[in-house]
Amino acid sequence: YSSSDMRKKDILEEISLDNAYELVNKCQTIFYTWKDDETKKKEIGLIAQEVQQYFPELVSEDKDGYLTLDYSKLTVILLVVIHDLTQKVSKIDTLEEKIKQLENKIQ
């Protein structure tokens, strides 16, 4: 669990990304192995340098200069994407209904 109590937060702003879907889409999802892992176990993930371009709040640098990615906070961005897509689907549904109504009037 991570602390998330509102009483401990100074809320700066609500996350509102009109192009959240496009930004997330620019981040490569990859299979990889760690160079120093002798087992060469197949992993899945993202590339921190790419994510940093669009969501710098998710990326930190360790003491050796390597980038780390906070995957748990990525879920918040994905929720924004889901909200964005849900609104788009709703608009599409509304437009489809209007098209049906117009088609019925023409017949």
PDB file of N, CA and C in Angstrom:
ATOM      1  N   TYR A   1       0.828  -1.187   0.000  1.00  0.00           N
ATOM      2  CA  TYR A   1       0.000   0.000   0.000  1.00  0.00           C
ATOM      3  C   TYR A   1       0.870   1.248   0.000  1.00  0.00           C
ATOM      4  N   SER A   2       0.350   2.294  -0.621  1.00  0.00           N
ATOM      5  CA  SER A   2       1.017   3.592  -0.611  1.00  0.00           C
ATOM      6  C   SER A   2       0.107   4.594   0.069  1.00  0.00           C
ATOM      7  N   SER A   3       0.682   5.481   0.831  1.00  0.00           N
ATOM      8  CA  SER A   3      -0.112   6.513   1.488  1.00  0.00           C
ATOM      9  C   SER A   3      -0.805   7.359   0.434  1.00  0.00           C
ATOM     10  N   SER A   4      -2.100   7.579   0.630  1.00  0.00           N
ATOM     11  CA  SER A   4      -2.853   8.348  -0.361  1.00  0.00           C
ATOM     12  C   SER A   4      -3.950   9.196   0.274  1.00  0.00           C
ATOM     13  N   ASP A   5      -3.898   9.365   1.555  1.00  0.00           N
ATOM     14  CA  ASP A   5      -4.930  10.100   2.278  1.00  0.00           C
ATOM     15  C   ASP A   5      -4.942  11.563   1.861  1.00  0.00           C
ATOM     16  N   MET A   6      -6.116  12.058   1.497  1.00  0.00           N
ATOM     17  CA  MET A   6      -6.281  13.438   1.034  1.00  0.00           C
ATOM     18  C   MET A   6      -5.810  14.452   2.077  1.00  0.00           C
ATOM     19  N   ARG A   7      -5.928  14.093   3.350  1.00  0.00           N
ATOM     20  CA  ARG A   7      -5.538  15.017   4.410  1.00  0.00           C
ATOM     21  C   ARG A   7      -4.043  15.294   4.418  1.00  0.00           C
ATOM     22  N   LYS A   8      -3.265  14.466   3.726  1.00  0.00           N
ATOM     23  CA  LYS A   8      -1.816  14.652   3.673  1.00  0.00           C
ATOM     24  C   LYS A   8      -1.354  15.327   2.383  1.00  0.00           C
ATOM     25  N   LYS A   9      -2.291  15.682   1.520  1.00  0.00           N
ATOM     26  CA  LYS A   9      -1.915  16.176   0.190  1.00  0.00           C
ATOM     27  C   LYS A   9      -2.304  17.632  -0.017  1.00  0.00           C
ATOM     28  N   ASP A  10      -1.423  18.370  -0.686  1.00  0.00           N
ATOM     29  CA  ASP A  10      -1.771  19.674  -1.233  1.00  0.00           C
ATOM     30  C   ASP A  10      -2.009  19.422  -2.722  1.00  0.00           C
ATOM     31  N   ILE A  11      -3.259  19.430  -3.124  1.00  0.00           N
ATOM     32  CA  ILE A  11      -3.595  19.103  -4.509  1.00  0.00           C
ATOM     33  C   ILE A  11      -3.242  20.290  -5.400  1.00  0.00           C
ATOM     34  N   LEU A  12      -2.393  20.038  -6.381  1.00  0.00           N
ATOM     35  CA  LEU A  12      -1.945  21.093  -7.286  1.00  0.00           C
ATOM     36  C   LEU A  12      -2.923  21.293  -8.427  1.00  0.00           C
ATOM     37  N   GLU A  13      -3.345  20.200  -9.036  1.00  0.00           N
ATOM     38  CA  GLU A  13      -4.297  20.268 -10.139  1.00  0.00           C
ATOM     39  C   GLU A  13      -4.757  18.864 -10.486  1.00  0.00           C
ATOM     40  N   GLU A  14      -5.905  18.784 -11.135  1.00  0.00           N
ATOM     41  CA  GLU A  14      -6.388  17.503 -11.624  1.00  0.00           C
ATOM     42  C   GLU A  14      -5.645  17.169 -12.916  1.00  0.00           C
ATOM     43  N   ILE A  15      -5.336  15.901 -13.100  1.00  0.00           N
ATOM     44  CA  ILE A  15      -4.661  15.505 -14.332  1.00  0.00           C
ATOM     45  C   ILE A  15      -5.681  15.528 -15.454  1.00  0.00           C
ATOM     46  N   SER A  16      -5.424  16.347 -16.433  1.00  0.00           N
ATOM     47  CA  SER A  16      -6.303  16.457 -17.583  1.00  0.00           C
ATOM     48  C   SER A  16      -5.434  16.485 -18.835  1.00  0.00           C
ATOM     49  N   LEU A  17      -5.399  15.372 -19.515  1.00  0.00           N
ATOM     50  CA  LEU A  17      -4.586  15.268 -20.718  1.00  0.00           C
ATOM     51  C   LEU A  17      -5.497  14.999 -21.906  1.00  0.00           C
ATOM     52  N   ASP A  18      -5.715  16.018 -22.713  1.00  0.00           N
ATOM     53  CA  ASP A  18      -6.565  15.828 -23.882  1.00  0.00           C
ATOM     54  C   ASP A  18      -5.967  14.799 -24.832  1.00  0.00           C
ATOM     55  N   ASN A  19      -4.669  14.667 -24.799  1.00  0.00           N
ATOM     56  CA  ASN A  19      -3.990  13.762 -25.716  1.00  0.00           C
ATOM     57  C   ASN A  19      -3.344  12.595 -24.971  1.00  0.00           C
ATOM     58  N   ALA A  20      -3.921  12.202 -23.852  1.00  0.00           N
ATOM     59  CA  ALA A  20      -3.337  11.130 -23.036  1.00  0.00           C
ATOM     60  C   ALA A  20      -3.155   9.855 -23.850  1.00  0.00           C
ATOM     61  N   TYR A  21      -4.144   9.515 -24.633  1.00  0.00           N
ATOM     62  CA  TYR A  21      -4.062   8.295 -25.443  1.00  0.00           C
ATOM     63  C   TYR A  21      -2.869   8.348 -26.385  1.00  0.00           C
ATOM     64  N   GLU A  22      -2.697   9.491 -27.037  1.00  0.00           N
ATOM     65  CA  GLU A  22      -1.589   9.632 -27.986  1.00  0.00           C
ATOM     66  C   GLU A  22      -0.240   9.564 -27.283  1.00  0.00           C
ATOM     67  N   LEU A  23      -0.149  10.165 -26.106  1.00  0.00           N
ATOM     68  CA  LEU A  23       1.118  10.146 -25.358  1.00  0.00           C
ATOM     69  C   LEU A  23       1.470   8.735 -24.895  1.00  0.00           C
ATOM     70  N   VAL A  24       0.495   8.031 -24.354  1.00  0.00           N
ATOM     71  CA  VAL A  24       0.741   6.662 -23.909  1.00  0.00           C
ATOM     72  C   VAL A  24       1.107   5.786 -25.103  1.00  0.00           C
ATOM     73  N   ASN A  25       0.465   6.030 -26.219  1.00  0.00           N
ATOM     74  CA  ASN A  25       0.727   5.251 -27.437  1.00  0.00           C
ATOM     75  C   ASN A  25       2.158   5.429 -27.942  1.00  0.00           C
ATOM     76  N   LYS A  26       2.796   6.535 -27.598  1.00  0.00           N
ATOM     77  CA  LYS A  26       4.170   6.787 -28.048  1.00  0.00           C
ATOM     78  C   LYS A  26       5.202   6.015 -27.232  1.00  0.00           C
ATOM     79  N   CYS A  27       4.784   5.469 -26.102  1.00  0.00           N
ATOM     80  CA  CYS A  27       5.696   4.719 -25.247  1.00  0.00           C
ATOM     81  C   CYS A  27       5.705   3.256 -25.685  1.00  0.00           C
ATOM     82  N   GLN A  28       6.881   2.785 -26.096  1.00  0.00           N
ATOM     83  CA  GLN A  28       7.017   1.399 -26.541  1.00  0.00           C
ATOM     84  C   GLN A  28       6.783   0.424 -25.403  1.00  0.00           C
ATOM     85  N   THR A  29       5.976  -0.574 -25.653  1.00  0.00           N
ATOM     86  CA  THR A  29       5.858  -1.694 -24.729  1.00  0.00           C
ATOM     87  C   THR A  29       6.774  -2.786 -25.272  1.00  0.00           C
ATOM     88  N   ILE A  30       7.643  -3.303 -24.407  1.00  0.00           N
ATOM     89  CA  ILE A  30       8.687  -4.204 -24.901  1.00  0.00           C
ATOM     90  C   ILE A  30       8.828  -5.465 -24.050  1.00  0.00           C
ATOM     91  N   PHE A  31       9.364  -6.500 -24.680  1.00  0.00           N
ATOM     92  CA  PHE A  31       9.917  -7.657 -23.990  1.00  0.00           C
ATOM     93  C   PHE A  31      11.413  -7.409 -23.928  1.00  0.00           C
ATOM     94  N   TYR A  32      12.049  -7.783 -22.829  1.00  0.00           N
ATOM     95  CA  TYR A  32      13.487  -7.562 -22.702  1.00  0.00           C
ATOM     96  C   TYR A  32      14.082  -8.539 -21.701  1.00  0.00           C
ATOM     97  N   THR A  33      15.399  -8.595 -21.686  1.00  0.00           N
ATOM     98  CA  THR A  33      16.137  -9.294 -20.636  1.00  0.00           C
ATOM     99  C   THR A  33      17.154  -8.305 -20.084  1.00  0.00           C
ATOM    100  N   TRP A  34      17.511  -8.467 -18.805  1.00  0.00           N
ATOM    101  CA  TRP A  34      18.530  -7.622 -18.202  1.00  0.00           C
ATOM    102  C   TRP A  34      19.897  -8.107 -18.664  1.00  0.00           C
ATOM    103  N   LYS A  35      20.749  -7.183 -19.063  1.00  0.00           N
ATOM    104  CA  LYS A  35      22.082  -7.535 -19.560  1.00  0.00           C
ATOM    105  C   LYS A  35      22.900  -8.304 -18.536  1.00  0.00           C
ATOM    106  N   ASP A  36      22.732  -8.000 -17.251  1.00  0.00           N
ATOM    107  CA  ASP A  36      23.535  -8.655 -16.219  1.00  0.00           C
ATOM    108  C   ASP A  36      22.844  -9.860 -15.576  1.00  0.00           C
ATOM    109  N   ASP A  37      21.727 -10.292 -16.149  1.00  0.00           N
ATOM    110  CA  ASP A  37      21.000 -11.446 -15.621  1.00  0.00           C
ATOM    111  C   ASP A  37      21.389 -12.692 -16.415  1.00  0.00           C
ATOM    112  N   GLU A  38      22.118 -13.584 -15.774  1.00  0.00           N
ATOM    113  CA  GLU A  38      22.587 -14.792 -16.460  1.00  0.00           C
ATOM    114  C   GLU A  38      21.451 -15.706 -16.881  1.00  0.00           C
ATOM    115  N   THR A  39      20.317 -15.635 -16.184  1.00  0.00           N
ATOM    116  CA  THR A  39      19.191 -16.511 -16.527  1.00  0.00           C
ATOM    117  C   THR A  39      18.483 -16.053 -17.797  1.00  0.00           C
ATOM    118  N   LYS A  40      18.674 -14.788 -18.158  1.00  0.00           N
ATOM    119  CA  LYS A  40      18.029 -14.185 -19.336  1.00  0.00           C
ATOM    120  C   LYS A  40      16.508 -14.360 -19.291  1.00  0.00           C
ATOM    121  N   LYS A  41      15.965 -14.206 -18.083  1.00  0.00           N
ATOM    122  CA  LYS A  41      14.521 -14.293 -17.893  1.00  0.00           C
ATOM    123  C   LYS A  41      13.834 -13.169 -18.683  1.00  0.00           C
ATOM    124  N   LYS A  42      12.832 -13.538 -19.453  1.00  0.00           N
ATOM    125  CA  LYS A  42      12.087 -12.582 -20.279  1.00  0.00           C
ATOM    126  C   LYS A  42      11.201 -11.721 -19.383  1.00  0.00           C
ATOM    127  N   GLU A  43      11.321 -10.418 -19.543  1.00  0.00           N
ATOM    128  CA  GLU A  43      10.539  -9.444 -18.770  1.00  0.00           C
ATOM    129  C   GLU A  43       9.685  -8.616 -19.735  1.00  0.00           C
ATOM    130  N   ILE A  44       8.738  -7.890 -19.183  1.00  0.00           N
ATOM    131  CA  ILE A  44       7.949  -6.942 -19.980  1.00  0.00           C
ATOM    132  C   ILE A  44       8.034  -5.576 -19.326  1.00  0.00           C
ATOM    133  N   GLY A  45       7.926  -4.520 -20.119  1.00  0.00           N
ATOM    134  CA  GLY A  45       7.975  -3.196 -19.528  1.00  0.00           C
ATOM    135  C   GLY A  45       8.026  -2.086 -20.545  1.00  0.00           C
ATOM    136  N   LEU A  46       8.515  -0.960 -20.079  1.00  0.00           N
ATOM    137  CA  LEU A  46       8.635   0.251 -20.878  1.00  0.00           C
ATOM    138  C   LEU A  46      10.080   0.740 -20.808  1.00  0.00           C
ATOM    139  N   ILE A  47      10.404   1.723 -21.607  1.00  0.00           N
ATOM    140  CA  ILE A  47      11.725   2.334 -21.598  1.00  0.00           C
ATOM    141  C   ILE A  47      11.608   3.674 -20.873  1.00  0.00           C
ATOM    142  N   ALA A  48      12.339   3.807 -19.775  1.00  0.00           N
ATOM    143  CA  ALA A  48      12.215   4.996 -18.923  1.00  0.00           C
ATOM    144  C   ALA A  48      12.485   6.286 -19.692  1.00  0.00           C
ATOM    145  N   GLN A  49      13.452   6.279 -20.603  1.00  0.00           N
ATOM    146  CA  GLN A  49      13.774   7.492 -21.359  1.00  0.00           C
ATOM    147  C   GLN A  49      12.585   7.964 -22.200  1.00  0.00           C
ATOM    148  N   GLU A  50      11.828   7.025 -22.744  1.00  0.00           N
ATOM    149  CA  GLU A  50      10.644   7.403 -23.533  1.00  0.00           C
ATOM    150  C   GLU A  50       9.545   7.951 -22.636  1.00  0.00           C
ATOM    151  N   VAL A  51       9.285   7.252 -21.542  1.00  0.00           N
ATOM    152  CA  VAL A  51       8.237   7.688 -20.616  1.00  0.00           C
ATOM    153  C   VAL A  51       8.567   9.068 -20.057  1.00  0.00           C
ATOM    154  N   GLN A  52       9.833   9.313 -19.787  1.00  0.00           N
ATOM    155  CA  GLN A  52      10.273  10.589 -19.215  1.00  0.00           C
ATOM    156  C   GLN A  52       9.907  11.776 -20.104  1.00  0.00           C
ATOM    157  N   GLN A  53       9.915  11.577 -21.413  1.00  0.00           N
ATOM    158  CA  GLN A  53       9.568  12.660 -22.346  1.00  0.00           C
ATOM    159  C   GLN A  53       8.139  13.151 -22.144  1.00  0.00           C
ATOM    160  N   TYR A  54       7.242  12.246 -21.817  1.00  0.00           N
ATOM    161  CA  TYR A  54       5.820  12.571 -21.739  1.00  0.00           C
ATOM    162  C   TYR A  54       5.296  12.650 -20.309  1.00  0.00           C
ATOM    163  N   PHE A  55       5.893  11.867 -19.402  1.00  0.00           N
ATOM    164  CA  PHE A  55       5.441  11.805 -18.010  1.00  0.00           C
ATOM    165  C   PHE A  55       6.653  11.827 -17.080  1.00  0.00           C
ATOM    166  N   PRO A  56       7.345  12.967 -16.981  1.00  0.00           N
ATOM    167  CA  PRO A  56       8.571  13.029 -16.169  1.00  0.00           C
ATOM    168  C   PRO A  56       8.331  12.722 -14.688  1.00  0.00           C
ATOM    169  N   GLU A  57       7.104  12.886 -14.220  1.00  0.00           N
ATOM    170  CA  GLU A  57       6.790  12.613 -12.813  1.00  0.00           C
ATOM    171  C   GLU A  57       6.919  11.125 -12.476  1.00  0.00           C
ATOM    172  N   LEU A  58       6.963  10.277 -13.475  1.00  0.00           N
ATOM    173  CA  LEU A  58       7.035   8.831 -13.253  1.00  0.00           C
ATOM    174  C   LEU A  58       8.470   8.308 -13.226  1.00  0.00           C
ATOM    175  N   VAL A  59       9.427   9.172 -13.557  1.00  0.00           N
ATOM    176  CA  VAL A  59      10.805   8.728 -13.726  1.00  0.00           C
ATOM    177  C   VAL A  59      11.722   9.414 -12.717  1.00  0.00           C
ATOM    178  N   SER A  60      12.644   8.624 -12.159  1.00  0.00           N
ATOM    179  CA  SER A  60      13.668   9.139 -11.255  1.00  0.00           C
ATOM    180  C   SER A  60      15.022   8.621 -11.706  1.00  0.00           C
ATOM    181  N   GLU A  61      16.057   9.252 -11.192  1.00  0.00           N
ATOM    182  CA  GLU A  61      17.415   8.819 -11.513  1.00  0.00           C
ATOM    183  C   GLU A  61      18.058   8.262 -10.250  1.00  0.00           C
ATOM    184  N   ASP A  62      18.673   7.080 -10.363  1.00  0.00           N
ATOM    185  CA  ASP A  62      19.323   6.503  -9.188  1.00  0.00           C
ATOM    186  C   ASP A  62      20.721   7.093  -8.999  1.00  0.00           C
ATOM    187  N   LYS A  63      21.419   6.673  -7.972  1.00  0.00           N
ATOM    188  CA  LYS A  63      22.729   7.250  -7.630  1.00  0.00           C
ATOM    189  C   LYS A  63      23.779   7.027  -8.710  1.00  0.00           C
ATOM    190  N   ASP A  64      23.566   6.033  -9.575  1.00  0.00           N
ATOM    191  CA  ASP A  64      24.509   5.745 -10.649  1.00  0.00           C
ATOM    192  C   ASP A  64      24.127   6.405 -11.973  1.00  0.00           C
ATOM    193  N   GLY A  65      23.043   7.174 -11.965  1.00  0.00           N
ATOM    194  CA  GLY A  65      22.615   7.866 -13.171  1.00  0.00           C
ATOM    195  C   GLY A  65      21.658   7.081 -14.046  1.00  0.00           C
ATOM    196  N   TYR A  66      21.259   5.883 -13.592  1.00  0.00           N
ATOM    197  CA  TYR A  66      20.296   5.086 -14.353  1.00  0.00           C
ATOM    198  C   TYR A  66      18.882   5.530 -14.015  1.00  0.00           C
ATOM    199  N   LEU A  67      18.008   5.495 -14.998  1.00  0.00           N
ATOM    200  CA  LEU A  67      16.631   5.905 -14.786  1.00  0.00           C
ATOM    201  C   LEU A  67      15.795   4.761 -14.238  1.00  0.00           C
ATOM    202  N   THR A  68      14.903   5.105 -13.324  1.00  0.00           N
ATOM    203  CA  THR A  68      13.956   4.152 -12.772  1.00  0.00           C
ATOM    204  C   THR A  68      12.547   4.651 -13.068  1.00  0.00           C
ATOM    205  N   LEU A  69      11.631   3.729 -13.197  1.00  0.00           N
ATOM    206  CA  LEU A  69      10.254   4.048 -13.563  1.00  0.00           C
ATOM    207  C   LEU A  69       9.325   3.564 -12.464  1.00  0.00           C
ATOM    208  N   ASP A  70       8.463   4.437 -11.989  1.00  0.00           N
ATOM    209  CA  ASP A  70       7.489   4.070 -10.961  1.00  0.00           C
ATOM    210  C   ASP A  70       6.239   3.539 -11.654  1.00  0.00           C
ATOM    211  N   TYR A  71       6.232   2.238 -11.892  1.00  0.00           N
ATOM    212  CA  TYR A  71       5.126   1.608 -12.608  1.00  0.00           C
ATOM    213  C   TYR A  71       3.803   1.768 -11.871  1.00  0.00           C
ATOM    214  N   SER A  72       3.821   1.825 -10.552  1.00  0.00           N
ATOM    215  CA  SER A  72       2.562   1.936  -9.811  1.00  0.00           C
ATOM    216  C   SER A  72       1.839   3.242 -10.127  1.00  0.00           C
ATOM    217  N   LYS A  73       2.591   4.307 -10.354  1.00  0.00           N
ATOM    218  CA  LYS A  73       1.956   5.594 -10.680  1.00  0.00           C
ATOM    219  C   LYS A  73       1.486   5.649 -12.135  1.00  0.00           C
ATOM    220  N   LEU A  74       1.989   4.751 -12.944  1.00  0.00           N
ATOM    221  CA  LEU A  74       1.545   4.677 -14.340  1.00  0.00           C
ATOM    222  C   LEU A  74       0.054   4.359 -14.421  1.00  0.00           C
ATOM    223  N   THR A  75      -0.459   3.656 -13.409  1.00  0.00           N
ATOM    224  CA  THR A  75      -1.886   3.321 -13.427  1.00  0.00           C
ATOM    225  C   THR A  75      -2.756   4.573 -13.431  1.00  0.00           C
ATOM    226  N   VAL A  76      -2.295   5.636 -12.812  1.00  0.00           N
ATOM    227  CA  VAL A  76      -3.069   6.890 -12.807  1.00  0.00           C
ATOM    228  C   VAL A  76      -3.170   7.437 -14.236  1.00  0.00           C
ATOM    229  N   ILE A  77      -2.061   7.401 -14.958  1.00  0.00           N
ATOM    230  CA  ILE A  77      -2.070   7.858 -16.344  1.00  0.00           C
ATOM    231  C   ILE A  77      -2.999   6.981 -17.176  1.00  0.00           C
ATOM    232  N   LEU A  78      -2.968   5.688 -16.941  1.00  0.00           N
ATOM    233  CA  LEU A  78      -3.833   4.775 -17.689  1.00  0.00           C
ATOM    234  C   LEU A  78      -5.305   5.029 -17.367  1.00  0.00           C
ATOM    235  N   LEU A  79      -5.601   5.423 -16.132  1.00  0.00           N
ATOM    236  CA  LEU A  79      -6.978   5.804 -15.802  1.00  0.00           C
ATOM    237  C   LEU A  79      -7.409   7.046 -16.571  1.00  0.00           C
ATOM    238  N   VAL A  80      -6.495   7.991 -16.724  1.00  0.00           N
ATOM    239  CA  VAL A  80      -6.795   9.190 -17.527  1.00  0.00           C
ATOM    240  C   VAL A  80      -7.100   8.777 -18.965  1.00  0.00           C
ATOM    241  N   VAL A  81      -6.315   7.837 -19.486  1.00  0.00           N
ATOM    242  CA  VAL A  81      -6.548   7.340 -20.849  1.00  0.00           C
ATOM    243  C   VAL A  81      -7.919   6.677 -20.944  1.00  0.00           C
ATOM    244  N   ILE A  82      -8.261   5.860 -19.957  1.00  0.00           N
ATOM    245  CA  ILE A  82      -9.569   5.199 -19.958  1.00  0.00           C
ATOM    246  C   ILE A  82     -10.688   6.232 -19.931  1.00  0.00           C
ATOM    247  N   HIS A  83     -10.557   7.258 -19.100  1.00  0.00           N
ATOM    248  CA  HIS A  83     -11.572   8.321 -19.059  1.00  0.00           C
ATOM    249  C   HIS A  83     -11.684   9.005 -20.421  1.00  0.00           C
ATOM    250  N   ASP A  84     -10.545   9.291 -21.013  1.00  0.00           N
ATOM    251  CA  ASP A  84     -10.501   9.941 -22.327  1.00  0.00           C
ATOM    252  C   ASP A  84     -11.199   9.076 -23.374  1.00  0.00           C
ATOM    253  N   LEU A  85     -10.864   7.791 -23.400  1.00  0.00           N
ATOM    254  CA  LEU A  85     -11.468   6.883 -24.382  1.00  0.00           C
ATOM    255  C   LEU A  85     -12.962   6.693 -24.127  1.00  0.00           C
ATOM    256  N   THR A  86     -13.353   6.668 -22.858  1.00  0.00           N
ATOM    257  CA  THR A  86     -14.773   6.533 -22.517  1.00  0.00           C
ATOM    258  C   THR A  86     -15.561   7.722 -23.039  1.00  0.00           C
ATOM    259  N   GLN A  87     -15.007   8.926 -22.902  1.00  0.00           N
ATOM    260  CA  GLN A  87     -15.680  10.112 -23.441  1.00  0.00           C
ATOM    261  C   GLN A  87     -15.788  10.039 -24.961  1.00  0.00           C
ATOM    262  N   LYS A  88     -14.730   9.557 -25.604  1.00  0.00           N
ATOM    263  CA  LYS A  88     -14.760   9.439 -27.068  1.00  0.00           C
ATOM    264  C   LYS A  88     -15.787   8.412 -27.512  1.00  0.00           C
ATOM    265  N   VAL A  89     -15.872   7.296 -26.809  1.00  0.00           N
ATOM    266  CA  VAL A  89     -16.863   6.275 -27.143  1.00  0.00           C
ATOM    267  C   VAL A  89     -18.268   6.833 -26.965  1.00  0.00           C
ATOM    268  N   SER A  90     -18.476   7.599 -25.920  1.00  0.00           N
ATOM    269  CA  SER A  90     -19.778   8.211 -25.673  1.00  0.00           C
ATOM    270  C   SER A  90     -20.155   9.153 -26.822  1.00  0.00           C
ATOM    271  N   LYS A  91     -19.188   9.942 -27.284  1.00  0.00           N
ATOM    272  CA  LYS A  91     -19.432  10.844 -28.410  1.00  0.00           C
ATOM    273  C   LYS A  91     -19.753  10.049 -29.676  1.00  0.00           C
ATOM    274  N   ILE A  92     -19.043   8.961 -29.891  1.00  0.00           N
ATOM    275  CA  ILE A  92     -19.291   8.112 -31.063  1.00  0.00           C
ATOM    276  C   ILE A  92     -20.684   7.513 -30.985  1.00  0.00           C
ATOM    277  N   ASP A  93     -21.072   7.037 -29.805  1.00  0.00           N
ATOM    278  CA  ASP A  93     -22.417   6.476 -29.623  1.00  0.00           C
ATOM    279  C   ASP A  93     -23.485   7.515 -29.937  1.00  0.00           C
ATOM    280  N   THR A  94     -23.277   8.743 -29.464  1.00  0.00           N
ATOM    281  CA  THR A  94     -24.223   9.832 -29.723  1.00  0.00           C
ATOM    282  C   THR A  94     -24.310  10.122 -31.217  1.00  0.00           C
ATOM    283  N   LEU A  95     -23.178  10.181 -31.892  1.00  0.00           N
ATOM    284  CA  LEU A  95     -23.161  10.440 -33.332  1.00  0.00           C
ATOM    285  C   LEU A  95     -23.819   9.307 -34.109  1.00  0.00           C
ATOM    286  N   GLU A  96     -23.570   8.063 -33.698  1.00  0.00           N
ATOM    287  CA  GLU A  96     -24.207   6.928 -34.369  1.00  0.00           C
ATOM    288  C   GLU A  96     -25.720   6.984 -34.222  1.00  0.00           C
ATOM    289  N   GLU A  97     -26.187   7.376 -33.053  1.00  0.00           N
ATOM    290  CA  GLU A  97     -27.625   7.496 -32.826  1.00  0.00           C
ATOM    291  C   GLU A  97     -28.224   8.595 -33.713  1.00  0.00           C
ATOM    292  N   LYS A  98     -27.523   9.704 -33.825  1.00  0.00           N
ATOM    293  CA  LYS A  98     -27.992  10.792 -34.688  1.00  0.00           C
ATOM    294  C   LYS A  98     -28.026  10.346 -36.150  1.00  0.00           C
ATOM    295  N   ILE A  99     -27.046   9.586 -36.571  1.00  0.00           N
ATOM    296  CA  ILE A  99     -27.012   9.069 -37.949  1.00  0.00           C
ATOM    297  C   ILE A  99     -28.207   8.156 -38.196  1.00  0.00           C
ATOM    298  N   LYS A 100     -28.498   7.276 -37.242  1.00  0.00           N
ATOM    299  CA  LYS A 100     -29.658   6.380 -37.369  1.00  0.00           C
ATOM    300  C   LYS A 100     -30.948   7.176 -37.483  1.00  0.00           C
ATOM    301  N   GLN A 101     -31.064   8.216 -36.663  1.00  0.00           N
ATOM    302  CA  GLN A 101     -32.268   9.054 -36.705  1.00  0.00           C
ATOM    303  C   GLN A 101     -32.407   9.726 -38.072  1.00  0.00           C
ATOM    304  N   LEU A 102     -31.296  10.226 -38.593  1.00  0.00           N
ATOM    305  CA  LEU A 102     -31.327  10.862 -39.916  1.00  0.00           C
ATOM    306  C   LEU A 102     -31.657   9.844 -41.006  1.00  0.00           C
ATOM    307  N   GLU A 103     -31.107   8.657 -40.913  1.00  0.00           N
ATOM    308  CA  GLU A 103     -31.400   7.611 -41.898  1.00  0.00           C
ATOM    309  C   GLU A 103     -32.881   7.234 -41.860  1.00  0.00           C
ATOM    310  N   ASN A 104     -33.455   7.182 -40.660  1.00  0.00           N
ATOM    311  CA  ASN A 104     -34.880   6.862 -40.534  1.00  0.00           C
ATOM    312  C   ASN A 104     -35.752   7.944 -41.128  1.00  0.00           C
ATOM    313  N   LYS A 105     -35.341   9.193 -41.023  1.00  0.00           N
ATOM    314  CA  LYS A 105     -36.091  10.312 -41.600  1.00  0.00           C
ATOM    315  C   LYS A 105     -36.062  10.264 -43.120  1.00  0.00           C
ATOM    316  N   ILE A 106     -34.910   9.835 -43.665  1.00  0.00           N
ATOM    317  CA  ILE A 106     -34.752   9.771 -45.115  1.00  0.00           C
ATOM    318  C   ILE A 106     -35.627   8.669 -45.706  1.00  0.00           C
ATOM    319  N   GLN A 107     -35.772   7.582 -44.993  1.00  0.00           N
ATOM    320  CA  GLN A 107     -36.563   6.446 -45.491  1.00  0.00           C
ATOM    321  C   GLN A 107     -37.989   6.820 -45.404  1.00  0.00           C
TER     322      GLN A 107
END
